[in-house]
Amino acid sequence: MHVYTALGDCYFNLEDYLSATSYYNEALLCPDAVEYGYVWLGLGQSFYELGNMEKAKDALMSAYMLEGKEIFEDVDEKYFSIIKDNM
């Protein structure tokens, strides 16, 4: 799981958001990975950057439900702002 997540992070940083979503989704297929908010955060950020706001909201809400608002402390406010209204 950690390798797929790291690859997702690398592609996100390279602004290759489609590849990033593929690796984050691969990470989520690993045992217990769905319990890691960080994977959901990366997936949600990638979907946001691709303009897929519904999938972004779902993934970002999963990150929030698992980790709380703290998971959004080191990322751009825009990612938290799209789920604020759903709380």
N, C-alpha and C. Protein backbone atom coordinates (compact mmCIF):
# COMPACT_ATOMS: atom_id res chain seq x y z
N MET A 1 0.81 -1.18 0.00
CA MET A 1 0.00 0.00 0.00
C MET A 1 0.86 1.26 0.00
N HIS A 2 1.90 1.25 0.79
CA HIS A 2 2.72 2.45 0.92
C HIS A 2 3.44 2.79 -0.39
N VAL A 3 3.83 1.78 -1.13
CA VAL A 3 4.49 2.03 -2.42
C VAL A 3 3.51 2.69 -3.39
N TYR A 4 2.30 2.16 -3.48
CA TYR A 4 1.29 2.76 -4.37
C TYR A 4 0.95 4.19 -3.94
N THR A 5 0.86 4.41 -2.65
CA THR A 5 0.56 5.75 -2.15
C THR A 5 1.70 6.70 -2.49
N ALA A 6 2.94 6.25 -2.31
CA ALA A 6 4.09 7.09 -2.64
C ALA A 6 4.13 7.41 -4.13
N LEU A 7 3.80 6.43 -4.96
CA LEU A 7 3.75 6.69 -6.40
C LEU A 7 2.63 7.67 -6.73
N GLY A 8 1.49 7.54 -6.06
CA GLY A 8 0.41 8.50 -6.24
C GLY A 8 0.86 9.90 -5.88
N ASP A 9 1.58 10.02 -4.77
CA ASP A 9 2.10 11.32 -4.35
C ASP A 9 3.06 11.90 -5.38
N CYS A 10 3.94 11.04 -5.91
CA CYS A 10 4.90 11.51 -6.92
C CYS A 10 4.18 12.04 -8.15
N TYR A 11 3.22 11.29 -8.65
CA TYR A 11 2.49 11.74 -9.84
C TYR A 11 1.65 12.97 -9.54
N PHE A 12 1.11 13.08 -8.33
CA PHE A 12 0.37 14.28 -7.96
C PHE A 12 1.30 15.49 -8.01
N ASN A 13 2.49 15.35 -7.45
CA ASN A 13 3.46 16.45 -7.45
C ASN A 13 3.94 16.81 -8.85
N LEU A 14 3.90 15.84 -9.76
CA LEU A 14 4.25 16.10 -11.16
C LEU A 14 3.06 16.65 -11.95
N GLU A 15 1.94 16.81 -11.27
CA GLU A 15 0.68 17.29 -11.86
C GLU A 15 0.11 16.33 -12.90
N ASP A 16 0.46 15.04 -12.77
CA ASP A 16 -0.13 13.99 -13.60
C ASP A 16 -1.23 13.34 -12.74
N TYR A 17 -2.35 14.05 -12.65
CA TYR A 17 -3.40 13.67 -11.72
C TYR A 17 -4.10 12.37 -12.10
N LEU A 18 -4.18 12.07 -13.38
CA LEU A 18 -4.80 10.82 -13.80
C LEU A 18 -3.99 9.62 -13.32
N SER A 19 -2.67 9.68 -13.50
CA SER A 19 -1.82 8.60 -13.00
C SER A 19 -1.88 8.53 -11.48
N ALA A 20 -1.94 9.68 -10.83
CA ALA A 20 -2.03 9.71 -9.37
C ALA A 20 -3.28 8.97 -8.90
N THR A 21 -4.43 9.22 -9.55
CA THR A 21 -5.66 8.53 -9.14
C THR A 21 -5.52 7.02 -9.32
N SER A 22 -4.84 6.61 -10.37
CA SER A 22 -4.66 5.16 -10.59
C SER A 22 -3.88 4.53 -9.44
N TYR A 23 -2.81 5.19 -9.01
CA TYR A 23 -2.00 4.62 -7.93
C TYR A 23 -2.71 4.69 -6.57
N TYR A 24 -3.42 5.77 -6.31
CA TYR A 24 -4.18 5.83 -5.06
C TYR A 24 -5.27 4.74 -5.04
N ASN A 25 -5.91 4.52 -6.18
CA ASN A 25 -6.91 3.45 -6.24
C ASN A 25 -6.28 2.08 -6.04
N GLU A 26 -5.08 1.88 -6.58
CA GLU A 26 -4.37 0.62 -6.35
C GLU A 26 -4.06 0.45 -4.86
N ALA A 27 -3.66 1.54 -4.23
CA ALA A 27 -3.37 1.48 -2.79
C ALA A 27 -4.61 1.06 -2.01
N LEU A 28 -5.76 1.56 -2.42
CA LEU A 28 -7.00 1.23 -1.70
C LEU A 28 -7.41 -0.23 -1.85
N LEU A 29 -6.85 -0.92 -2.81
CA LEU A 29 -7.13 -2.35 -2.98
C LEU A 29 -6.33 -3.22 -2.01
N CYS A 30 -5.32 -2.64 -1.39
CA CYS A 30 -4.48 -3.39 -0.44
C CYS A 30 -5.24 -3.59 0.88
N PRO A 31 -4.91 -4.66 1.59
CA PRO A 31 -5.58 -4.93 2.86
C PRO A 31 -5.49 -3.74 3.83
N ASP A 32 -6.60 -3.40 4.41
CA ASP A 32 -6.73 -2.34 5.42
C ASP A 32 -6.46 -0.93 4.92
N ALA A 33 -6.18 -0.76 3.64
CA ALA A 33 -5.84 0.57 3.12
C ALA A 33 -7.00 1.55 3.22
N VAL A 34 -8.22 1.06 3.14
CA VAL A 34 -9.38 1.96 3.20
C VAL A 34 -9.47 2.68 4.54
N GLU A 35 -8.70 2.24 5.52
CA GLU A 35 -8.70 2.87 6.83
C GLU A 35 -7.68 4.00 6.96
N TYR A 36 -6.93 4.27 5.90
CA TYR A 36 -5.90 5.31 5.92
C TYR A 36 -6.43 6.56 5.24
N GLY A 37 -6.69 7.58 6.02
CA GLY A 37 -7.22 8.82 5.48
C GLY A 37 -6.31 9.49 4.47
N TYR A 38 -5.00 9.29 4.63
CA TYR A 38 -4.06 9.93 3.72
C TYR A 38 -4.25 9.47 2.27
N VAL A 39 -4.56 8.20 2.08
CA VAL A 39 -4.80 7.68 0.72
C VAL A 39 -6.04 8.35 0.14
N TRP A 40 -7.09 8.45 0.94
CA TRP A 40 -8.32 9.11 0.49
C TRP A 40 -8.08 10.58 0.18
N LEU A 41 -7.24 11.23 1.00
CA LEU A 41 -6.92 12.63 0.77
C LEU A 41 -6.25 12.81 -0.59
N GLY A 42 -5.24 12.01 -0.86
CA GLY A 42 -4.54 12.11 -2.14
C GLY A 42 -5.46 11.84 -3.31
N LEU A 43 -6.32 10.85 -3.16
CA LEU A 43 -7.27 10.53 -4.22
C LEU A 43 -8.23 11.70 -4.43
N GLY A 44 -8.73 12.26 -3.35
CA GLY A 44 -9.65 13.39 -3.46
C GLY A 44 -9.00 14.61 -4.08
N GLN A 45 -7.77 14.90 -3.69
CA GLN A 45 -7.05 16.03 -4.28
C GLN A 45 -6.86 15.83 -5.78
N SER A 46 -6.53 14.62 -6.16
CA SER A 46 -6.31 14.32 -7.58
C SER A 46 -7.60 14.48 -8.37
N PHE A 47 -8.70 13.93 -7.86
CA PHE A 47 -9.98 14.11 -8.54
C PHE A 47 -10.36 15.58 -8.62
N TYR A 48 -10.09 16.34 -7.58
CA TYR A 48 -10.37 17.78 -7.58
C TYR A 48 -9.63 18.44 -8.73
N GLU A 49 -8.35 18.14 -8.85
CA GLU A 49 -7.52 18.77 -9.90
C GLU A 49 -7.95 18.33 -11.29
N LEU A 50 -8.55 17.15 -11.40
CA LEU A 50 -9.08 16.69 -12.69
C LEU A 50 -10.45 17.28 -13.00
N GLY A 51 -11.03 17.97 -12.01
CA GLY A 51 -12.34 18.58 -12.21
C GLY A 51 -13.50 17.66 -11.93
N ASN A 52 -13.22 16.50 -11.37
CA ASN A 52 -14.28 15.54 -11.03
C ASN A 52 -14.69 15.78 -9.57
N MET A 53 -15.53 16.78 -9.38
CA MET A 53 -15.85 17.24 -8.03
C MET A 53 -16.67 16.24 -7.22
N GLU A 54 -17.51 15.45 -7.86
CA GLU A 54 -18.29 14.47 -7.10
C GLU A 54 -17.39 13.40 -6.49
N LYS A 55 -16.48 12.87 -7.29
CA LYS A 55 -15.54 11.87 -6.76
C LYS A 55 -14.59 12.51 -5.76
N ALA A 56 -14.21 13.76 -6.01
CA ALA A 56 -13.35 14.47 -5.06
C ALA A 56 -14.05 14.61 -3.72
N LYS A 57 -15.30 15.01 -3.73
CA LYS A 57 -16.06 15.16 -2.48
C LYS A 57 -16.15 13.84 -1.73
N ASP A 58 -16.44 12.77 -2.44
CA ASP A 58 -16.56 11.46 -1.79
C ASP A 58 -15.25 11.05 -1.12
N ALA A 59 -14.15 11.19 -1.85
CA ALA A 59 -12.85 10.78 -1.31
C ALA A 59 -12.42 11.70 -0.17
N LEU A 60 -12.61 13.00 -0.33
CA LEU A 60 -12.21 13.94 0.72
C LEU A 60 -13.07 13.77 1.97
N MET A 61 -14.32 13.45 1.80
CA MET A 61 -15.18 13.19 2.95
C MET A 61 -14.72 11.92 3.67
N SER A 62 -14.29 10.92 2.92
CA SER A 62 -13.76 9.70 3.55
C SER A 62 -12.52 10.04 4.37
N ALA A 63 -11.65 10.87 3.82
CA ALA A 63 -10.45 11.30 4.56
C ALA A 63 -10.85 12.00 5.85
N TYR A 64 -11.82 12.88 5.76
CA TYR A 64 -12.30 13.62 6.93
C TYR A 64 -12.90 12.69 7.97
N MET A 65 -13.71 11.75 7.54
CA MET A 65 -14.37 10.83 8.46
C MET A 65 -13.35 9.96 9.21
N LEU A 66 -12.27 9.62 8.54
CA LEU A 66 -11.25 8.78 9.16
C LEU A 66 -10.30 9.55 10.07
N GLU A 67 -9.93 10.76 9.66
CA GLU A 67 -8.86 11.48 10.35
C GLU A 67 -9.26 12.80 10.97
N GLY A 68 -10.44 13.31 10.63
CA GLY A 68 -10.85 14.61 11.14
C GLY A 68 -10.25 15.75 10.33
N LYS A 69 -10.55 16.96 10.75
CA LYS A 69 -10.10 18.15 10.02
C LYS A 69 -8.58 18.27 9.99
N GLU A 70 -7.91 17.65 10.95
CA GLU A 70 -6.45 17.74 11.03
C GLU A 70 -5.75 17.28 9.76
N ILE A 71 -6.35 16.36 9.04
CA ILE A 71 -5.70 15.85 7.83
C ILE A 71 -5.58 16.93 6.75
N PHE A 72 -6.38 17.98 6.87
CA PHE A 72 -6.38 19.05 5.89
C PHE A 72 -5.45 20.21 6.27
N GLU A 73 -4.77 20.12 7.40
CA GLU A 73 -3.97 21.24 7.90
C GLU A 73 -2.83 21.64 6.98
N ASP A 74 -2.22 20.68 6.29
CA ASP A 74 -1.05 20.98 5.47
C ASP A 74 -1.34 21.02 3.98
N VAL A 75 -2.62 21.11 3.62
CA VAL A 75 -2.98 21.17 2.20
C VAL A 75 -3.78 22.44 1.94
N ASP A 76 -3.92 22.76 0.68
CA ASP A 76 -4.67 23.95 0.28
C ASP A 76 -6.10 23.90 0.83
N GLU A 77 -6.57 25.02 1.30
CA GLU A 77 -7.92 25.15 1.89
C GLU A 77 -9.03 24.71 0.94
N LYS A 78 -8.77 24.81 -0.36
CA LYS A 78 -9.82 24.49 -1.34
C LYS A 78 -10.32 23.05 -1.21
N TYR A 79 -9.44 22.15 -0.77
CA TYR A 79 -9.83 20.75 -0.66
C TYR A 79 -10.83 20.53 0.48
N PHE A 80 -10.66 21.25 1.57
CA PHE A 80 -11.61 21.13 2.67
C PHE A 80 -12.89 21.90 2.37
N SER A 81 -12.76 22.99 1.66
CA SER A 81 -13.93 23.86 1.44
C SER A 81 -15.03 23.17 0.64
N ILE A 82 -14.69 22.20 -0.21
CA ILE A 82 -15.74 21.56 -1.01
C ILE A 82 -16.56 20.55 -0.20
N ILE A 83 -16.06 20.16 0.97
CA ILE A 83 -16.86 19.23 1.79
C ILE A 83 -17.49 19.91 2.99
N LYS A 84 -17.14 21.15 3.28
CA LYS A 84 -17.68 21.86 4.46
C LYS A 84 -19.20 21.88 4.48
N ASP A 85 -19.80 22.09 3.33
CA ASP A 85 -21.26 22.21 3.27
C ASP A 85 -21.98 20.89 3.53
N ASN A 86 -21.26 19.78 3.43
CA ASN A 86 -21.87 18.46 3.64
C ASN A 86 -21.81 18.01 5.10
N MET A 87 -21.35 18.87 5.98
CA MET A 87 -21.21 18.48 7.39
C MET A 87 -22.36 19.00 8.21
